[in-house]
């Protein structure tokens, strides 16, 4: 059972508004720099486009989290669980996420197969496509750090650490579990990954409830993304060994 979170309504609304404003600013900035034909912004794979695109949401969230916690006079260590309750349960429960990883991968394969059969063309998620098509090692390195460090911390605080307990405290436990998990899946803007990410988000929510410690879903999320990176790298290496037609 989760401990009481002191998140105030006005602070949550302010966080959401500022996060949306940062995202809009990033979209406008990338579009403008692309029109000006600035190096790094000429296409979706440009490092400038990637940097602004990622920092305008997950990167901005890091700063907004700091502001949010100061509003509640709460430190990072307490909010993220480095000295929080049930921290001794985190390693044991996170280790069980290998099963979740396999289930999510199978669901993604089933989703792609189903959408293909329905005549709905599927594409790789933007982040996956950028990694596989990246031509520079620093872009790949940045995307790796982003996927394993920046994104898990930002997304887990927003969805599990802030929105989930906030909606729950309003008296909507079902909406907190399923609605927030659906929103998490939706922000990735990919039909083929919606169901797998929805199930993954439910598992992360369960993990947070079980441990009452945000460090647990952050760690599981980071390991999940790292596993995807390894599979992507192995897949690319294998495809290079195949004879060219």
Protein backbone atom coordinates (compact mmCIF):
# COMPACT_ATOMS: atom_id res chain seq x y z
CA UNK A 1 0.00 0.00 0.00
CA UNK A 2 1.30 3.44 -0.92
CA UNK A 3 2.10 5.95 1.75
CA UNK A 4 0.33 9.28 1.58
CA UNK A 5 1.82 11.69 -0.96
CA UNK A 6 1.48 15.40 -0.19
CA UNK A 7 1.08 16.53 -3.81
CA UNK A 8 -1.09 19.64 -4.00
CA UNK A 9 -3.62 20.11 -6.79
CA UNK A 10 -2.24 23.46 -7.92
CA UNK A 11 1.33 22.12 -8.01
CA UNK A 12 0.33 19.09 -10.13
CA UNK A 13 -1.65 21.29 -12.55
CA UNK A 14 1.28 23.70 -12.79
CA UNK A 15 3.69 20.83 -13.50
CA UNK A 16 1.46 19.51 -16.31
CA UNK A 17 1.02 22.99 -17.82
CA UNK A 18 4.76 23.72 -17.77
CA UNK A 19 5.58 20.28 -19.18
CA UNK A 20 3.17 20.86 -22.05
CA UNK A 21 4.61 24.33 -22.65
CA UNK A 22 8.17 22.92 -22.81
CA UNK A 23 7.06 20.25 -25.28
CA UNK A 24 5.35 22.84 -27.51
CA UNK A 25 8.41 25.10 -27.34
CA UNK A 26 10.62 22.20 -28.45
CA UNK A 27 8.36 21.39 -31.41
CA UNK A 28 8.28 25.02 -32.53
CA UNK A 29 12.04 25.44 -32.06
CA UNK A 30 12.85 22.32 -34.11
CA UNK A 31 10.45 23.39 -36.86
CA UNK A 32 11.97 26.89 -37.02
CA UNK A 33 15.56 25.66 -37.04
CA UNK A 34 14.65 23.14 -39.74
CA UNK A 35 13.18 25.92 -41.91
CA UNK A 36 16.36 27.96 -41.41
CA UNK A 37 18.34 24.94 -42.67
CA UNK A 38 20.52 24.89 -39.55
CA UNK A 39 23.02 22.04 -39.40
CA UNK A 40 21.78 19.28 -37.10
CA UNK A 41 18.14 20.16 -37.72
CA UNK A 42 17.81 19.34 -41.41
CA UNK A 43 16.10 15.97 -40.81
CA UNK A 44 14.64 13.83 -38.03
CA UNK A 45 17.94 12.01 -37.54
CA UNK A 46 19.94 15.22 -36.97
CA UNK A 47 21.60 15.43 -33.56
CA UNK A 48 20.10 18.87 -32.89
CA UNK A 49 16.60 17.58 -33.64
CA UNK A 50 17.12 14.59 -31.35
CA UNK A 51 18.60 16.70 -28.55
CA UNK A 52 15.86 19.34 -28.53
CA UNK A 53 13.13 16.75 -29.03
CA UNK A 54 14.19 14.66 -26.04
CA UNK A 55 15.13 17.51 -23.72
CA UNK A 56 11.89 19.40 -24.34
CA UNK A 57 9.95 16.60 -22.62
CA UNK A 58 12.00 14.20 -20.48
CA UNK A 59 14.90 16.62 -20.05
CA UNK A 60 12.63 19.48 -19.02
CA UNK A 61 10.89 17.10 -16.61
CA UNK A 62 14.10 16.82 -14.56
CA UNK A 63 14.06 20.57 -13.89
CA UNK A 64 10.31 20.59 -13.29
CA UNK A 65 10.67 17.72 -10.80
CA UNK A 66 13.20 19.77 -8.82
CA UNK A 67 10.81 22.74 -8.77
CA UNK A 68 7.88 20.46 -7.86
CA UNK A 69 9.74 18.89 -4.94
CA UNK A 70 10.83 22.28 -3.63
CA UNK A 71 7.20 23.36 -3.64
CA UNK A 72 6.49 20.44 -1.30
CA UNK A 73 9.74 20.83 0.69
CA UNK A 74 10.74 17.28 -0.27
CA UNK A 75 14.22 16.16 -1.32
CA UNK A 76 15.23 13.92 -4.23
CA UNK A 77 16.39 11.14 -1.92
CA UNK A 78 13.07 10.96 -0.11
CA UNK A 79 10.94 11.33 -3.26
CA UNK A 80 12.83 8.68 -5.22
CA UNK A 81 13.28 6.22 -2.39
CA UNK A 82 17.01 6.14 -1.75
CA UNK A 83 16.13 6.08 1.93
CA UNK A 84 12.47 5.29 1.52
CA UNK A 85 10.23 2.50 2.84
CA UNK A 86 10.71 -1.15 1.86
CA UNK A 87 13.93 -0.41 -0.06
CA UNK A 88 15.18 -3.88 0.88
CA UNK A 89 12.40 -5.39 -1.29
CA UNK A 90 13.42 -3.49 -4.43
CA UNK A 91 16.18 -5.83 -5.77
CA UNK A 92 14.10 -8.99 -5.26
CA UNK A 93 10.97 -7.63 -6.97
CA UNK A 94 12.84 -5.91 -9.82
CA UNK A 95 14.64 -9.18 -10.62
CA UNK A 96 11.27 -10.72 -11.44
CA UNK A 97 10.80 -8.26 -14.27
CA UNK A 98 12.63 -10.58 -16.67
CA UNK A 99 9.28 -12.37 -17.05
CA UNK A 100 7.52 -9.05 -17.71
CA UNK A 101 10.12 -8.21 -20.37
CA UNK A 102 9.42 -11.47 -22.22
CA UNK A 103 5.65 -10.97 -21.98
CA UNK A 104 5.87 -7.40 -23.30
CA UNK A 105 8.08 -8.50 -26.21
CA UNK A 106 5.60 -11.26 -27.11
CA UNK A 107 2.71 -8.78 -26.91
CA UNK A 108 4.56 -6.39 -29.19
CA UNK A 109 5.11 -9.14 -31.75
CA UNK A 110 1.42 -10.09 -31.54
CA UNK A 111 0.39 -6.43 -31.92
CA UNK A 112 2.54 -5.97 -35.03
CA UNK A 113 1.17 -9.21 -36.54
CA UNK A 114 -2.44 -8.22 -35.81
CA UNK A 115 -2.10 -4.69 -37.19
CA UNK A 116 -0.39 -6.04 -40.32
CA UNK A 117 -3.21 -8.51 -40.87
CA UNK A 118 -5.72 -5.66 -40.49
CA UNK A 119 -3.91 -3.66 -43.16
CA UNK A 120 -2.54 -1.11 -40.68
CA UNK A 121 1.10 -0.48 -41.65
CA UNK A 122 3.44 -0.45 -38.66
CA UNK A 123 6.69 1.41 -38.20
CA UNK A 124 9.40 1.25 -35.59
CA UNK A 125 8.98 3.65 -32.68
CA UNK A 126 10.79 6.96 -33.31
CA UNK A 127 13.49 6.30 -30.71
CA UNK A 128 14.15 2.82 -32.09
CA UNK A 129 14.35 4.14 -35.66
CA UNK A 130 16.75 6.90 -34.64
CA UNK A 131 19.04 4.42 -32.90
CA UNK A 132 19.08 1.97 -35.80
CA UNK A 133 19.62 4.69 -38.41
CA UNK A 134 22.10 6.79 -36.46
CA UNK A 135 25.32 7.41 -38.36
CA UNK A 136 27.35 8.91 -35.49
CA UNK A 137 28.58 7.25 -32.32
CA UNK A 138 27.81 10.30 -30.14
CA UNK A 139 24.18 10.29 -31.24
CA UNK A 140 23.93 6.59 -30.39
CA UNK A 141 25.69 7.20 -27.06
CA UNK A 142 23.35 10.07 -26.17
CA UNK A 143 20.26 8.04 -27.09
CA UNK A 144 21.57 5.18 -24.96
CA UNK A 145 22.01 7.44 -21.92
CA UNK A 146 18.62 8.99 -22.62
CA UNK A 147 16.89 5.60 -22.79
CA UNK A 148 18.53 4.12 -19.68
CA UNK A 149 18.86 7.17 -17.40
CA UNK A 150 17.00 10.32 -18.46
CA UNK A 151 13.70 8.83 -19.68
CA UNK A 152 13.10 6.29 -16.87
CA UNK A 153 13.62 8.87 -14.11
CA UNK A 154 11.45 11.52 -15.78
CA UNK A 155 8.65 9.21 -16.91
CA UNK A 156 8.44 7.22 -13.67
CA UNK A 157 8.20 10.37 -11.57
CA UNK A 158 5.49 11.85 -13.82
CA UNK A 159 3.32 8.73 -14.17
CA UNK A 160 3.99 6.59 -11.10
CA UNK A 161 5.42 9.12 -8.67
CA UNK A 162 3.08 12.06 -9.28
CA UNK A 163 -0.04 11.25 -11.36
CA UNK A 164 -0.78 7.78 -9.95
CA UNK A 165 -0.95 8.76 -6.25
CA UNK A 166 -2.57 12.10 -7.11
CA UNK A 167 -5.47 10.51 -9.04
CA UNK A 168 -5.76 7.78 -6.40
CA UNK A 169 -6.10 10.36 -3.63
CA UNK A 170 -8.90 12.07 -5.58
CA UNK A 171 -10.89 8.87 -5.08
CA UNK A 172 -10.38 7.13 -8.45
CA UNK A 173 -8.18 4.06 -7.86
CA UNK A 174 -9.24 2.38 -11.14
CA UNK A 175 -8.47 5.51 -13.14
CA UNK A 176 -5.16 5.84 -11.31
CA UNK A 177 -4.10 2.34 -12.31
CA UNK A 178 -5.57 1.94 -15.78
CA UNK A 179 -6.02 5.54 -16.95
CA UNK A 180 -2.51 6.68 -16.04
CA UNK A 181 -1.06 3.48 -17.55
CA UNK A 182 -2.98 4.12 -20.78
CA UNK A 183 -1.68 7.70 -20.86
CA UNK A 184 1.87 6.38 -20.45
CA UNK A 185 1.36 4.10 -23.47
CA UNK A 186 -0.25 6.88 -25.51
CA UNK A 187 2.62 9.36 -25.17
CA UNK A 188 4.86 6.96 -27.11
CA UNK A 189 2.58 7.57 -30.12
CA UNK A 190 2.91 4.12 -31.66
CA UNK A 191 -0.07 1.83 -32.30
CA UNK A 192 2.07 -1.31 -32.30
CA UNK A 193 3.45 -0.65 -28.83
CA UNK A 194 0.28 0.66 -27.14
CA UNK A 195 -0.90 -2.68 -25.71
CA UNK A 196 2.59 -3.89 -24.69
CA UNK A 197 3.42 -0.55 -23.02
CA UNK A 198 0.03 -0.46 -21.31
CA UNK A 199 0.72 -3.88 -19.78
CA UNK A 200 4.26 -2.77 -18.91
CA UNK A 201 2.90 0.36 -17.20
CA UNK A 202 0.46 -1.74 -15.17
CA UNK A 203 3.37 -3.93 -14.05
CA UNK A 204 5.38 -0.85 -13.05
CA UNK A 205 2.39 0.47 -11.12
CA UNK A 206 2.05 -2.84 -9.30
CA UNK A 207 5.77 -2.72 -8.49
CA UNK A 208 5.41 0.80 -7.08
CA UNK A 209 2.43 -0.21 -4.96
CA UNK A 210 4.23 -3.30 -3.70
CA UNK A 211 7.41 -1.49 -2.67
CA UNK A 212 6.05 2.02 -1.95
CA UNK A 213 9.36 3.12 -3.43
CA UNK A 214 9.81 4.93 -6.76
CA UNK A 215 13.32 3.52 -7.11
CA UNK A 216 11.79 0.13 -7.98
CA UNK A 217 9.86 1.13 -11.16
CA UNK A 218 12.70 3.45 -12.20
CA UNK A 219 15.18 0.55 -12.02
CA UNK A 220 12.80 -1.84 -13.81
CA UNK A 221 12.12 0.75 -16.52
CA UNK A 222 15.84 1.38 -17.02
CA UNK A 223 16.57 -2.36 -17.29
CA UNK A 224 13.68 -2.79 -19.73
CA UNK A 225 15.05 -0.03 -21.98
CA UNK A 226 18.56 -1.45 -21.69
CA UNK A 227 17.27 -4.86 -22.74
CA UNK A 228 15.60 -3.32 -25.77
CA UNK A 229 18.86 -1.60 -26.70
CA UNK A 230 20.74 -4.90 -26.48
CA UNK A 231 18.15 -6.65 -28.66
CA UNK A 232 18.30 -3.81 -31.18
CA UNK A 233 22.10 -3.97 -31.30
CA UNK A 234 22.10 -7.76 -31.66
CA UNK A 235 19.47 -7.51 -34.41
CA UNK A 236 21.53 -4.94 -36.32
CA UNK A 237 24.70 -7.00 -35.99
CA UNK A 238 22.88 -10.12 -37.18
CA UNK A 239 21.37 -8.32 -40.19
CA UNK A 240 24.86 -7.20 -41.26
CA UNK A 241 26.02 -10.82 -41.41
CA UNK A 242 23.26 -11.77 -43.85
CA UNK A 243 24.21 -11.90 -47.55
CA UNK A 244 23.18 -8.79 -49.46
CA UNK A 245 20.62 -9.29 -52.22
